[in-house]
Amino acid sequence: MAAILVLDDSRELLDVLEVVFTMRGYKVRCTSTKDSFLKELNIERPNIVLLDVMLSEGDGREICYELKTNDSTKDIPTILMSASPATLRDYKTLHADGIIEKPFNISDLVIALHNHMQQK
């Protein structure tokens, strides 16, 4: 069973994503802070990471860069998501594997994550 680790500060979105991914057979862990995200990352390595850019306690782009420049996590596909397309322009310099603009269609999100996991 593929594991997805999600970091977003919207509890409502996390609840929706948890239900959607679980119903599709994924193991999903949702976090709302950088600290809880890093704890979850150390507990069990996910198959893919989904990071919100604009967090109340930080910037998902910085977290992405940290993951992608760390030898132990650089191979985990990492997708950035944001309601502000301008914040996603530099995603390649952050070594992110892809981007998702909010609001998004749930089916498109599931397909995108599945495709990124298949590429690795």
PDB file of N, CA and C in Angstrom:
ATOM      1  N   MET A   1       0.853  -1.175   0.000  1.00  0.00           N
ATOM      2  CA  MET A   1       0.000   0.000   0.000  1.00  0.00           C
ATOM      3  C   MET A   1       0.899   1.238   0.000  1.00  0.00           C
ATOM      4  N   ALA A   2       0.709   2.119  -0.979  1.00  0.00           N
ATOM      5  CA  ALA A   2       1.501   3.344  -1.080  1.00  0.00           C
ATOM      6  C   ALA A   2       1.103   4.328   0.016  1.00  0.00           C
ATOM      7  N   ALA A   3       2.109   5.013   0.549  1.00  0.00           N
ATOM      8  CA  ALA A   3       1.883   5.965   1.631  1.00  0.00           C
ATOM      9  C   ALA A   3       2.083   7.395   1.148  1.00  0.00           C
ATOM     10  N   ILE A   4       1.152   8.261   1.531  1.00  0.00           N
ATOM     11  CA  ILE A   4       1.190   9.679   1.187  1.00  0.00           C
ATOM     12  C   ILE A   4       1.293  10.466   2.484  1.00  0.00           C
ATOM     13  N   LEU A   5       2.215  11.423   2.514  1.00  0.00           N
ATOM     14  CA  LEU A   5       2.344  12.319   3.653  1.00  0.00           C
ATOM     15  C   LEU A   5       1.983  13.719   3.185  1.00  0.00           C
ATOM     16  N   VAL A   6       0.995  14.333   3.849  1.00  0.00           N
ATOM     17  CA  VAL A   6       0.471  15.636   3.445  1.00  0.00           C
ATOM     18  C   VAL A   6       0.719  16.656   4.548  1.00  0.00           C
ATOM     19  N   LEU A   7       1.200  17.832   4.144  1.00  0.00           N
ATOM     20  CA  LEU A   7       1.339  18.958   5.068  1.00  0.00           C
ATOM     21  C   LEU A   7       0.533  20.128   4.528  1.00  0.00           C
ATOM     22  N   ASP A   8      -0.478  20.515   5.287  1.00  0.00           N
ATOM     23  CA  ASP A   8      -1.315  21.670   4.951  1.00  0.00           C
ATOM     24  C   ASP A   8      -1.889  22.198   6.256  1.00  0.00           C
ATOM     25  N   ASP A   9      -2.018  23.508   6.365  1.00  0.00           N
ATOM     26  CA  ASP A   9      -2.546  24.061   7.619  1.00  0.00           C
ATOM     27  C   ASP A   9      -4.065  24.188   7.633  1.00  0.00           C
ATOM     28  N   SER A  10      -4.712  23.709   6.589  1.00  0.00           N
ATOM     29  CA  SER A  10      -6.176  23.693   6.557  1.00  0.00           C
ATOM     30  C   SER A  10      -6.670  22.327   7.038  1.00  0.00           C
ATOM     31  N   ARG A  11      -7.231  22.291   8.223  1.00  0.00           N
ATOM     32  CA  ARG A  11      -7.743  21.032   8.780  1.00  0.00           C
ATOM     33  C   ARG A  11      -8.843  20.451   7.894  1.00  0.00           C
ATOM     34  N   GLU A  12      -9.678  21.332   7.320  1.00  0.00           N
ATOM     35  CA  GLU A  12     -10.759  20.861   6.456  1.00  0.00           C
ATOM     36  C   GLU A  12     -10.211  20.142   5.226  1.00  0.00           C
ATOM     37  N   LEU A  13      -9.191  20.728   4.590  1.00  0.00           N
ATOM     38  CA  LEU A  13      -8.596  20.085   3.421  1.00  0.00           C
ATOM     39  C   LEU A  13      -7.937  18.769   3.808  1.00  0.00           C
ATOM     40  N   LEU A  14      -7.247  18.745   4.927  1.00  0.00           N
ATOM     41  CA  LEU A  14      -6.618  17.500   5.374  1.00  0.00           C
ATOM     42  C   LEU A  14      -7.646  16.400   5.594  1.00  0.00           C
ATOM     43  N   ASP A  15      -8.778  16.764   6.185  1.00  0.00           N
ATOM     44  CA  ASP A  15      -9.843  15.777   6.404  1.00  0.00           C
ATOM     45  C   ASP A  15     -10.345  15.202   5.080  1.00  0.00           C
ATOM     46  N   VAL A  16     -10.546  16.067   4.107  1.00  0.00           N
ATOM     47  CA  VAL A  16     -11.023  15.626   2.786  1.00  0.00           C
ATOM     48  C   VAL A  16      -9.984  14.721   2.128  1.00  0.00           C
ATOM     49  N   LEU A  17      -8.726  15.165   2.126  1.00  0.00           N
ATOM     50  CA  LEU A  17      -7.675  14.371   1.481  1.00  0.00           C
ATOM     51  C   LEU A  17      -7.500  13.017   2.155  1.00  0.00           C
ATOM     52  N   GLU A  18      -7.614  12.993   3.471  1.00  0.00           N
ATOM     53  CA  GLU A  18      -7.485  11.721   4.180  1.00  0.00           C
ATOM     54  C   GLU A  18      -8.570  10.737   3.740  1.00  0.00           C
ATOM     55  N   VAL A  19      -9.794  11.202   3.641  1.00  0.00           N
ATOM     56  CA  VAL A  19     -10.899  10.339   3.207  1.00  0.00           C
ATOM     57  C   VAL A  19     -10.704   9.892   1.757  1.00  0.00           C
ATOM     58  N   VAL A  20     -10.382  10.844   0.889  1.00  0.00           N
ATOM     59  CA  VAL A  20     -10.241  10.545  -0.543  1.00  0.00           C
ATOM     60  C   VAL A  20      -9.136   9.525  -0.783  1.00  0.00           C
ATOM     61  N   PHE A  21      -7.965   9.755  -0.220  1.00  0.00           N
ATOM     62  CA  PHE A  21      -6.845   8.846  -0.456  1.00  0.00           C
ATOM     63  C   PHE A  21      -7.063   7.488   0.194  1.00  0.00           C
ATOM     64  N   THR A  22      -7.644   7.478   1.385  1.00  0.00           N
ATOM     65  CA  THR A  22      -7.922   6.213   2.069  1.00  0.00           C
ATOM     66  C   THR A  22      -8.910   5.375   1.265  1.00  0.00           C
ATOM     67  N   MET A  23      -9.943   6.024   0.735  1.00  0.00           N
ATOM     68  CA  MET A  23     -10.942   5.304  -0.076  1.00  0.00           C
ATOM     69  C   MET A  23     -10.345   4.714  -1.347  1.00  0.00           C
ATOM     70  N   ARG A  24      -9.239   5.279  -1.795  1.00  0.00           N
ATOM     71  CA  ARG A  24      -8.583   4.786  -3.008  1.00  0.00           C
ATOM     72  C   ARG A  24      -7.442   3.810  -2.696  1.00  0.00           C
ATOM     73  N   GLY A  25      -7.345   3.416  -1.438  1.00  0.00           N
ATOM     74  CA  GLY A  25      -6.394   2.380  -1.066  1.00  0.00           C
ATOM     75  C   GLY A  25      -5.013   2.862  -0.659  1.00  0.00           C
ATOM     76  N   TYR A  26      -4.853   4.163  -0.466  1.00  0.00           N
ATOM     77  CA  TYR A  26      -3.571   4.683  -0.019  1.00  0.00           C
ATOM     78  C   TYR A  26      -3.541   4.770   1.501  1.00  0.00           C
ATOM     79  N   LYS A  27      -2.358   4.675   2.042  1.00  0.00           N
ATOM     80  CA  LYS A  27      -2.158   4.965   3.457  1.00  0.00           C
ATOM     81  C   LYS A  27      -1.788   6.445   3.500  1.00  0.00           C
ATOM     82  N   VAL A  28      -2.581   7.241   4.176  1.00  0.00           N
ATOM     83  CA  VAL A  28      -2.342   8.684   4.185  1.00  0.00           C
ATOM     84  C   VAL A  28      -2.151   9.179   5.608  1.00  0.00           C
ATOM     85  N   ARG A  29      -1.147  10.016   5.768  1.00  0.00           N
ATOM     86  CA  ARG A  29      -0.900  10.675   7.044  1.00  0.00           C
ATOM     87  C   ARG A  29      -0.922  12.169   6.787  1.00  0.00           C
ATOM     88  N   CYS A  30      -1.714  12.879   7.552  1.00  0.00           N
ATOM     89  CA  CYS A  30      -1.904  14.311   7.362  1.00  0.00           C
ATOM     90  C   CYS A  30      -1.381  15.075   8.564  1.00  0.00           C
ATOM     91  N   THR A  31      -0.646  16.149   8.293  1.00  0.00           N
ATOM     92  CA  THR A  31      -0.094  16.985   9.349  1.00  0.00           C
ATOM     93  C   THR A  31      -0.370  18.445   9.030  1.00  0.00           C
ATOM     94  N   SER A  32      -0.377  19.265  10.077  1.00  0.00           N
ATOM     95  CA  SER A  32      -0.683  20.680   9.872  1.00  0.00           C
ATOM     96  C   SER A  32       0.460  21.610  10.269  1.00  0.00           C
ATOM     97  N   THR A  33       1.563  21.059  10.772  1.00  0.00           N
ATOM     98  CA  THR A  33       2.716  21.884  11.139  1.00  0.00           C
ATOM     99  C   THR A  33       4.000  21.230  10.623  1.00  0.00           C
ATOM    100  N   LYS A  34       5.016  22.055  10.469  1.00  0.00           N
ATOM    101  CA  LYS A  34       6.314  21.543  10.011  1.00  0.00           C
ATOM    102  C   LYS A  34       6.858  20.519  10.996  1.00  0.00           C
ATOM    103  N   ASP A  35       6.746  20.806  12.298  1.00  0.00           N
ATOM    104  CA  ASP A  35       7.268  19.880  13.307  1.00  0.00           C
ATOM    105  C   ASP A  35       6.595  18.516  13.234  1.00  0.00           C
ATOM    106  N   SER A  36       5.266  18.509  13.121  1.00  0.00           N
ATOM    107  CA  SER A  36       4.565  17.223  13.047  1.00  0.00           C
ATOM    108  C   SER A  36       4.883  16.505  11.731  1.00  0.00           C
ATOM    109  N   PHE A  37       5.058  17.276  10.661  1.00  0.00           N
ATOM    110  CA  PHE A  37       5.438  16.706   9.373  1.00  0.00           C
ATOM    111  C   PHE A  37       6.791  15.996   9.484  1.00  0.00           C
ATOM    112  N   LEU A  38       7.769  16.664  10.075  1.00  0.00           N
ATOM    113  CA  LEU A  38       9.098  16.069  10.209  1.00  0.00           C
ATOM    114  C   LEU A  38       9.085  14.835  11.099  1.00  0.00           C
ATOM    115  N   LYS A  39       8.263  14.842  12.140  1.00  0.00           N
ATOM    116  CA  LYS A  39       8.125  13.660  12.989  1.00  0.00           C
ATOM    117  C   LYS A  39       7.560  12.487  12.195  1.00  0.00           C
ATOM    118  N   GLU A  40       6.498  12.757  11.433  1.00  0.00           N
ATOM    119  CA  GLU A  40       5.885  11.701  10.615  1.00  0.00           C
ATOM    120  C   GLU A  40       6.859  11.179   9.564  1.00  0.00           C
ATOM    121  N   LEU A  41       7.637  12.073   8.984  1.00  0.00           N
ATOM    122  CA  LEU A  41       8.621  11.693   7.967  1.00  0.00           C
ATOM    123  C   LEU A  41       9.651  10.740   8.560  1.00  0.00           C
ATOM    124  N   ASN A  42      10.025  10.967   9.811  1.00  0.00           N
ATOM    125  CA  ASN A  42      11.012  10.113  10.467  1.00  0.00           C
ATOM    126  C   ASN A  42      10.432   8.795  10.969  1.00  0.00           C
ATOM    127  N   ILE A  43       9.125   8.754  11.185  1.00  0.00           N
ATOM    128  CA  ILE A  43       8.486   7.521  11.647  1.00  0.00           C
ATOM    129  C   ILE A  43       8.421   6.497  10.521  1.00  0.00           C
ATOM    130  N   GLU A  44       7.959   6.948   9.369  1.00  0.00           N
ATOM    131  CA  GLU A  44       7.825   6.041   8.224  1.00  0.00           C
ATOM    132  C   GLU A  44       7.998   6.830   6.935  1.00  0.00           C
ATOM    133  N   ARG A  45       8.845   6.346   6.083  1.00  0.00           N
ATOM    134  CA  ARG A  45       9.122   7.006   4.808  1.00  0.00           C
ATOM    135  C   ARG A  45       7.903   6.883   3.879  1.00  0.00           C
ATOM    136  N   PRO A  46       7.392   8.017   3.406  1.00  0.00           N
ATOM    137  CA  PRO A  46       6.249   7.954   2.493  1.00  0.00           C
ATOM    138  C   PRO A  46       6.701   7.677   1.059  1.00  0.00           C
ATOM    139  N   ASN A  47       5.764   7.268   0.222  1.00  0.00           N
ATOM    140  CA  ASN A  47       6.047   7.094  -1.202  1.00  0.00           C
ATOM    141  C   ASN A  47       5.980   8.423  -1.946  1.00  0.00           C
ATOM    142  N   ILE A  48       5.257   9.395  -1.362  1.00  0.00           N
ATOM    143  CA  ILE A  48       5.137  10.715  -1.960  1.00  0.00           C
ATOM    144  C   ILE A  48       4.757  11.723  -0.873  1.00  0.00           C
ATOM    145  N   VAL A  49       5.157  12.973  -1.099  1.00  0.00           N
ATOM    146  CA  VAL A  49       4.859  14.058  -0.170  1.00  0.00           C
ATOM    147  C   VAL A  49       4.084  15.131  -0.917  1.00  0.00           C
ATOM    148  N   LEU A  50       3.057  15.644  -0.273  1.00  0.00           N
ATOM    149  CA  LEU A  50       2.250  16.739  -0.798  1.00  0.00           C
ATOM    150  C   LEU A  50       2.353  17.897   0.185  1.00  0.00           C
ATOM    151  N   LEU A  51       2.944  19.021  -0.260  1.00  0.00           N
ATOM    152  CA  LEU A  51       3.219  20.153   0.622  1.00  0.00           C
ATOM    153  C   LEU A  51       2.480  21.405   0.183  1.00  0.00           C
ATOM    154  N   ASP A  52       1.776  22.017   1.110  1.00  0.00           N
ATOM    155  CA  ASP A  52       1.207  23.333   0.858  1.00  0.00           C
ATOM    156  C   ASP A  52       2.342  24.346   0.937  1.00  0.00           C
ATOM    157  N   VAL A  53       2.280  25.382   0.104  1.00  0.00           N
ATOM    158  CA  VAL A  53       3.332  26.397   0.098  1.00  0.00           C
ATOM    159  C   VAL A  53       3.145  27.393   1.230  1.00  0.00           C
ATOM    160  N   MET A  54       1.960  27.964   1.322  1.00  0.00           N
ATOM    161  CA  MET A  54       1.730  29.031   2.288  1.00  0.00           C
ATOM    162  C   MET A  54       1.151  28.461   3.576  1.00  0.00           C
ATOM    163  N   LEU A  55       2.041  28.226   4.526  1.00  0.00           N
ATOM    164  CA  LEU A  55       1.668  27.660   5.814  1.00  0.00           C
ATOM    165  C   LEU A  55       1.655  28.759   6.864  1.00  0.00           C
ATOM    166  N   SER A  56       0.841  28.588   7.885  1.00  0.00           N
ATOM    167  CA  SER A  56       0.810  29.594   8.950  1.00  0.00           C
ATOM    168  C   SER A  56       2.124  29.617   9.733  1.00  0.00           C
ATOM    169  N   GLU A  57       2.833  28.492   9.742  1.00  0.00           N
ATOM    170  CA  GLU A  57       4.099  28.403  10.470  1.00  0.00           C
ATOM    171  C   GLU A  57       5.246  28.049   9.539  1.00  0.00           C
ATOM    172  N   GLY A  58       5.381  28.750   8.423  1.00  0.00           N
ATOM    173  CA  GLY A  58       6.502  28.462   7.544  1.00  0.00           C
ATOM    174  C   GLY A  58       6.118  28.463   6.084  1.00  0.00           C
ATOM    175  N   ASP A  59       7.042  27.979   5.292  1.00  0.00           N
ATOM    176  CA  ASP A  59       6.903  27.988   3.844  1.00  0.00           C
ATOM    177  C   ASP A  59       7.197  26.591   3.318  1.00  0.00           C
ATOM    178  N   GLY A  60       6.226  26.001   2.642  1.00  0.00           N
ATOM    179  CA  GLY A  60       6.392  24.662   2.100  1.00  0.00           C
ATOM    180  C   GLY A  60       7.516  24.558   1.089  1.00  0.00           C
ATOM    181  N   ARG A  61       7.846  25.672   0.428  1.00  0.00           N
ATOM    182  CA  ARG A  61       8.946  25.656  -0.535  1.00  0.00           C
ATOM    183  C   ARG A  61      10.276  25.400   0.174  1.00  0.00           C
ATOM    184  N   GLU A  62      10.447  25.983   1.340  1.00  0.00           N
ATOM    185  CA  GLU A  62      11.677  25.749   2.106  1.00  0.00           C
ATOM    186  C   GLU A  62      11.762  24.296   2.561  1.00  0.00           C
ATOM    187  N   ILE A  63      10.634  23.766   2.993  1.00  0.00           N
ATOM    188  CA  ILE A  63      10.602  22.365   3.424  1.00  0.00           C
ATOM    189  C   ILE A  63      10.928  21.461   2.242  1.00  0.00           C
ATOM    190  N   CYS A  64      10.359  21.772   1.081  1.00  0.00           N
ATOM    191  CA  CYS A  64      10.631  21.000  -0.131  1.00  0.00           C
ATOM    192  C   CYS A  64      12.123  21.013  -0.445  1.00  0.00           C
ATOM    193  N   TYR A  65      12.715  22.184  -0.424  1.00  0.00           N
ATOM    194  CA  TYR A  65      14.144  22.301  -0.728  1.00  0.00           C
ATOM    195  C   TYR A  65      14.981  21.490   0.263  1.00  0.00           C
ATOM    196  N   GLU A  66      14.606  21.552   1.535  1.00  0.00           N
ATOM    197  CA  GLU A  66      15.321  20.769   2.549  1.00  0.00           C
ATOM    198  C   GLU A  66      15.221  19.273   2.253  1.00  0.00           C
ATOM    199  N   LEU A  67      14.025  18.816   1.882  1.00  0.00           N
ATOM    200  CA  LEU A  67      13.835  17.396   1.568  1.00  0.00           C
ATOM    201  C   LEU A  67      14.653  16.981   0.353  1.00  0.00           C
ATOM    202  N   LYS A  68      14.606  17.802  -0.685  1.00  0.00           N
ATOM    203  CA  LYS A  68      15.223  17.434  -1.952  1.00  0.00           C
ATOM    204  C   LYS A  68      16.738  17.595  -1.963  1.00  0.00           C
ATOM    205  N   THR A  69      17.296  18.274  -0.974  1.00  0.00           N
ATOM    206  CA  THR A  69      18.753  18.408  -0.901  1.00  0.00           C
ATOM    207  C   THR A  69      19.351  17.539   0.208  1.00  0.00           C
ATOM    208  N   ASN A  70      18.520  16.704   0.805  1.00  0.00           N
ATOM    209  CA  ASN A  70      18.960  15.782   1.843  1.00  0.00           C
ATOM    210  C   ASN A  70      19.067  14.388   1.217  1.00  0.00           C
ATOM    211  N   ASP A  71      20.225  13.768   1.345  1.00  0.00           N
ATOM    212  CA  ASP A  71      20.440  12.456   0.711  1.00  0.00           C
ATOM    213  C   ASP A  71      19.414  11.404   1.108  1.00  0.00           C
ATOM    214  N   SER A  72      18.912  11.470   2.341  1.00  0.00           N
ATOM    215  CA  SER A  72      17.982  10.435   2.801  1.00  0.00           C
ATOM    216  C   SER A  72      16.549  10.654   2.319  1.00  0.00           C
ATOM    217  N   THR A  73      16.214  11.857   1.845  1.00  0.00           N
ATOM    218  CA  THR A  73      14.834  12.124   1.409  1.00  0.00           C
ATOM    219  C   THR A  73      14.725  12.645  -0.020  1.00  0.00           C
ATOM    220  N   LYS A  74      15.835  12.848  -0.702  1.00  0.00           N
ATOM    221  CA  LYS A  74      15.804  13.485  -2.022  1.00  0.00           C
ATOM    222  C   LYS A  74      15.056  12.670  -3.076  1.00  0.00           C
ATOM    223  N   ASP A  75      14.926  11.372  -2.882  1.00  0.00           N
ATOM    224  CA  ASP A  75      14.258  10.532  -3.868  1.00  0.00           C
ATOM    225  C   ASP A  75      12.746  10.415  -3.657  1.00  0.00           C
ATOM    226  N   ILE A  76      12.229  11.008  -2.598  1.00  0.00           N
ATOM    227  CA  ILE A  76      10.785  10.969  -2.359  1.00  0.00           C
ATOM    228  C   ILE A  76      10.128  12.000  -3.273  1.00  0.00           C
ATOM    229  N   PRO A  77       9.216  11.572  -4.152  1.00  0.00           N
ATOM    230  CA  PRO A  77       8.524  12.557  -4.991  1.00  0.00           C
ATOM    231  C   PRO A  77       7.811  13.580  -4.110  1.00  0.00           C
ATOM    232  N   THR A  78       8.006  14.846  -4.427  1.00  0.00           N
ATOM    233  CA  THR A  78       7.457  15.928  -3.623  1.00  0.00           C
ATOM    234  C   THR A  78       6.696  16.888  -4.513  1.00  0.00           C
ATOM    235  N   ILE A  79       5.422  17.099  -4.175  1.00  0.00           N
ATOM    236  CA  ILE A  79       4.527  17.962  -4.947  1.00  0.00           C
ATOM    237  C   ILE A  79       4.168  19.170  -4.097  1.00  0.00           C
ATOM    238  N   LEU A  80       4.316  20.354  -4.667  1.00  0.00           N
ATOM    239  CA  LEU A  80       3.917  21.589  -4.003  1.00  0.00           C
ATOM    240  C   LEU A  80       2.517  21.970  -4.441  1.00  0.00           C
ATOM    241  N   MET A  81       1.729  22.521  -3.525  1.00  0.00           N
ATOM    242  CA  MET A  81       0.399  22.999  -3.885  1.00  0.00           C
ATOM    243  C   MET A  81       0.165  24.377  -3.277  1.00  0.00           C
ATOM    244  N   SER A  82      -0.570  25.204  -4.023  1.00  0.00           N
ATOM    245  CA  SER A  82      -0.834  26.561  -3.556  1.00  0.00           C
ATOM    246  C   SER A  82      -2.011  27.165  -4.297  1.00  0.00           C
ATOM    247  N   ALA A  83      -2.687  28.070  -3.613  1.00  0.00           N
ATOM    248  CA  ALA A  83      -3.764  28.842  -4.246  1.00  0.00           C
ATOM    249  C   ALA A  83      -3.202  30.050  -4.977  1.00  0.00           C
ATOM    250  N   SER A  84      -1.932  30.303  -4.815  1.00  0.00           N
ATOM    251  CA  SER A  84      -1.274  31.432  -5.474  1.00  0.00           C
ATOM    252  C   SER A  84      -0.280  30.898  -6.502  1.00  0.00           C
ATOM    253  N   PRO A  85      -0.662  30.881  -7.780  1.00  0.00           N
ATOM    254  CA  PRO A  85       0.223  30.330  -8.814  1.00  0.00           C
ATOM    255  C   PRO A  85       1.618  30.962  -8.834  1.00  0.00           C
ATOM    256  N   ALA A  86       1.724  32.222  -8.445  1.00  0.00           N
ATOM    257  CA  ALA A  86       3.020  32.894  -8.446  1.00  0.00           C
ATOM    258  C   ALA A  86       4.007  32.220  -7.494  1.00  0.00           C
ATOM    259  N   THR A  87       3.505  31.614  -6.425  1.00  0.00           N
ATOM    260  CA  THR A  87       4.393  30.963  -5.461  1.00  0.00           C
ATOM    261  C   THR A  87       4.937  29.634  -5.981  1.00  0.00           C
ATOM    262  N   LEU A  88       4.382  29.169  -7.090  1.00  0.00           N
ATOM    263  CA  LEU A  88       4.795  27.879  -7.638  1.00  0.00           C
ATOM    264  C   LEU A  88       5.772  28.019  -8.807  1.00  0.00           C
ATOM    265  N   ARG A  89       6.019  29.231  -9.256  1.00  0.00           N
ATOM    266  CA  ARG A  89       6.860  29.441 -10.441  1.00  0.00           C
ATOM    267  C   ARG A  89       8.260  28.850 -10.304  1.00  0.00           C
ATOM    268  N   ASP A  90       8.828  28.941  -9.137  1.00  0.00           N
ATOM    269  CA  ASP A  90      10.210  28.510  -8.941  1.00  0.00           C
ATOM    270  C   ASP A  90      10.333  27.056  -8.481  1.00  0.00           C
ATOM    271  N   TYR A  91       9.302  26.258  -8.726  1.00  0.00           N
ATOM    272  CA  TYR A  91       9.303  24.906  -8.169  1.00  0.00           C
ATOM    273  C   TYR A  91      10.473  24.052  -8.647  1.00  0.00           C
ATOM    274  N   LYS A  92      10.952  24.274  -9.856  1.00  0.00           N
ATOM    275  CA  LYS A  92      12.081  23.471 -10.353  1.00  0.00           C
ATOM    276  C   LYS A  92      13.375  23.814  -9.622  1.00  0.00           C
ATOM    277  N   THR A  93      13.550  25.069  -9.241  1.00  0.00           N
ATOM    278  CA  THR A  93      14.768  25.435  -8.504  1.00  0.00           C
ATOM    279  C   THR A  93      14.742  24.854  -7.092  1.00  0.00           C
ATOM    280  N   LEU A  94      13.560  24.520  -6.612  1.00  0.00           N
ATOM    281  CA  LEU A  94      13.411  23.894  -5.308  1.00  0.00           C
ATOM    282  C   LEU A  94      13.528  22.378  -5.394  1.00  0.00           C
ATOM    283  N   HIS A  95      13.638  21.870  -6.625  1.00  0.00           N
ATOM    284  CA  HIS A  95      13.739  20.437  -6.923  1.00  0.00           C
ATOM    285  C   HIS A  95      12.428  19.691  -6.679  1.00  0.00           C
ATOM    286  N   ALA A  96      11.322  20.424  -6.648  1.00  0.00           N
ATOM    287  CA  ALA A  96      10.013  19.772  -6.504  1.00  0.00           C
ATOM    288  C   ALA A  96       9.732  18.954  -7.759  1.00  0.00           C
ATOM    289  N   ASP A  97       8.997  17.889  -7.592  1.00  0.00           N
ATOM    290  CA  ASP A  97       8.679  17.023  -8.724  1.00  0.00           C
ATOM    291  C   ASP A  97       7.452  17.479  -9.492  1.00  0.00           C
ATOM    292  N   GLY A  98       6.660  18.353  -8.886  1.00  0.00           N
ATOM    293  CA  GLY A  98       5.470  18.845  -9.561  1.00  0.00           C
ATOM    294  C   GLY A  98       4.742  19.863  -8.719  1.00  0.00           C
ATOM    295  N   ILE A  99       3.681  20.408  -9.312  1.00  0.00           N
ATOM    296  CA  ILE A  99       2.869  21.414  -8.625  1.00  0.00           C
ATOM    297  C   ILE A  99       1.396  21.115  -8.844  1.00  0.00           C
ATOM    298  N   ILE A 100       0.589  21.564  -7.901  1.00  0.00           N
ATOM    299  CA  ILE A 100      -0.864  21.475  -7.976  1.00  0.00           C
ATOM    300  C   ILE A 100      -1.405  22.838  -7.564  1.00  0.00           C
ATOM    301  N   GLU A 101      -2.210  23.433  -8.416  1.00  0.00           N
ATOM    302  CA  GLU A 101      -2.825  24.713  -8.067  1.00  0.00           C
ATOM    303  C   GLU A 101      -4.158  24.477  -7.384  1.00  0.00           C
ATOM    304  N   LYS A 102      -4.377  25.198  -6.280  1.00  0.00           N
ATOM    305  CA  LYS A 102      -5.660  25.163  -5.580  1.00  0.00           C
ATOM    306  C   LYS A 102      -6.552  26.248  -6.173  1.00  0.00           C
ATOM    307  N   PRO A 103      -7.817  26.053  -6.269  1.00  0.00           N
ATOM    308  CA  PRO A 103      -8.520  24.804  -5.974  1.00  0.00           C
ATOM    309  C   PRO A 103      -8.240  23.778  -7.067  1.00  0.00           C
ATOM    310  N   PHE A 104      -8.324  22.535  -6.712  1.00  0.00           N
ATOM    311  CA  PHE A 104      -8.041  21.479  -7.665  1.00  0.00           C
ATOM    312  C   PHE A 104      -9.191  20.488  -7.683  1.00  0.00           C
ATOM    313  N   ASN A 105      -9.259  19.754  -8.759  1.00  0.00           N
ATOM    314  CA  ASN A 105     -10.210  18.671  -8.911  1.00  0.00           C
ATOM    315  C   ASN A 105      -9.585  17.452  -8.214  1.00  0.00           C
ATOM    316  N   ILE A 106     -10.317  16.837  -7.325  1.00  0.00           N
ATOM    317  CA  ILE A 106      -9.801  15.710  -6.545  1.00  0.00           C
ATOM    318  C   ILE A 106      -9.309  14.585  -7.460  1.00  0.00           C
ATOM    319  N   SER A 107     -10.051  14.275  -8.487  1.00  0.00           N
ATOM    320  CA  SER A 107      -9.627  13.200  -9.399  1.00  0.00           C
ATOM    321  C   SER A 107      -8.307  13.536 -10.069  1.00  0.00           C
ATOM    322  N   ASP A 108      -8.135  14.800 -10.469  1.00  0.00           N
ATOM    323  CA  ASP A 108      -6.872  15.223 -11.089  1.00  0.00           C
ATOM    324  C   ASP A 108      -5.715  15.103 -10.106  1.00  0.00           C
ATOM    325  N   LEU A 109      -5.969  15.447  -8.841  1.00  0.00           N
ATOM    326  CA  LEU A 109      -4.935  15.335  -7.816  1.00  0.00           C
ATOM    327  C   LEU A 109      -4.526  13.878  -7.617  1.00  0.00           C
ATOM    328  N   VAL A 110      -5.487  13.000  -7.511  1.00  0.00           N
ATOM    329  CA  VAL A 110      -5.204  11.578  -7.312  1.00  0.00           C
ATOM    330  C   VAL A 110      -4.400  11.033  -8.492  1.00  0.00           C
ATOM    331  N   ILE A 111      -4.797  11.387  -9.706  1.00  0.00           N
ATOM    332  CA  ILE A 111      -4.077  10.929 -10.899  1.00  0.00           C
ATOM    333  C   ILE A 111      -2.648  11.462 -10.907  1.00  0.00           C
ATOM    334  N   ALA A 112      -2.486  12.746 -10.583  1.00  0.00           N
ATOM    335  CA  ALA A 112      -1.148  13.348 -10.577  1.00  0.00           C
ATOM    336  C   ALA A 112      -0.242  12.658  -9.562  1.00  0.00           C
ATOM    337  N   LEU A 113      -0.743  12.414  -8.360  1.00  0.00           N
ATOM    338  CA  LEU A 113       0.077  11.749  -7.351  1.00  0.00           C
ATOM    339  C   LEU A 113       0.412  10.326  -7.768  1.00  0.00           C
ATOM    340  N   HIS A 114      -0.560   9.629  -8.307  1.00  0.00           N
ATOM    341  CA  HIS A 114      -0.320   8.259  -8.781  1.00  0.00           C
ATOM    342  C   HIS A 114       0.767   8.255  -9.858  1.00  0.00           C
ATOM    343  N   ASN A 115       0.684   9.183 -10.806  1.00  0.00           N
ATOM    344  CA  ASN A 115       1.671   9.254 -11.882  1.00  0.00           C
ATOM    345  C   ASN A 115       3.068   9.552 -11.355  1.00  0.00           C
ATOM    346  N   HIS A 116       3.181  10.443 -10.396  1.00  0.00           N
ATOM    347  CA  HIS A 116       4.486  10.764  -9.835  1.00  0.00           C
ATOM    348  C   HIS A 116       5.078   9.584  -9.076  1.00  0.00           C
ATOM    349  N   MET A 117       4.225   8.816  -8.403  1.00  0.00           N
ATOM    350  CA  MET A 117       4.729   7.648  -7.683  1.00  0.00           C
ATOM    351  C   MET A 117       5.205   6.581  -8.653  1.00  0.00           C
ATOM    352  N   GLN A 118       4.554   6.480  -9.809  1.00  0.00           N
ATOM    353  CA  GLN A 118       4.941   5.477 -10.803  1.00  0.00           C
ATOM    354  C   GLN A 118       6.281   5.812 -11.452  1.00  0.00           C
ATOM    355  N   GLN A 119       6.600   7.108 -11.519  1.00  0.00           N
ATOM    356  CA  GLN A 119       7.843   7.544 -12.155  1.00  0.00           C
ATOM    357  C   GLN A 119       9.060   7.231 -11.306  1.00  0.00           C
ATOM    358  N   LYS A 120       8.893   7.067 -10.015  1.00  0.00           N
ATOM    359  CA  LYS A 120      10.051   6.846  -9.129  1.00  0.00           C
ATOM    360  C   LYS A 120      10.303   5.394  -8.895  1.00  0.00           C
TER     361      LYS A 120
END
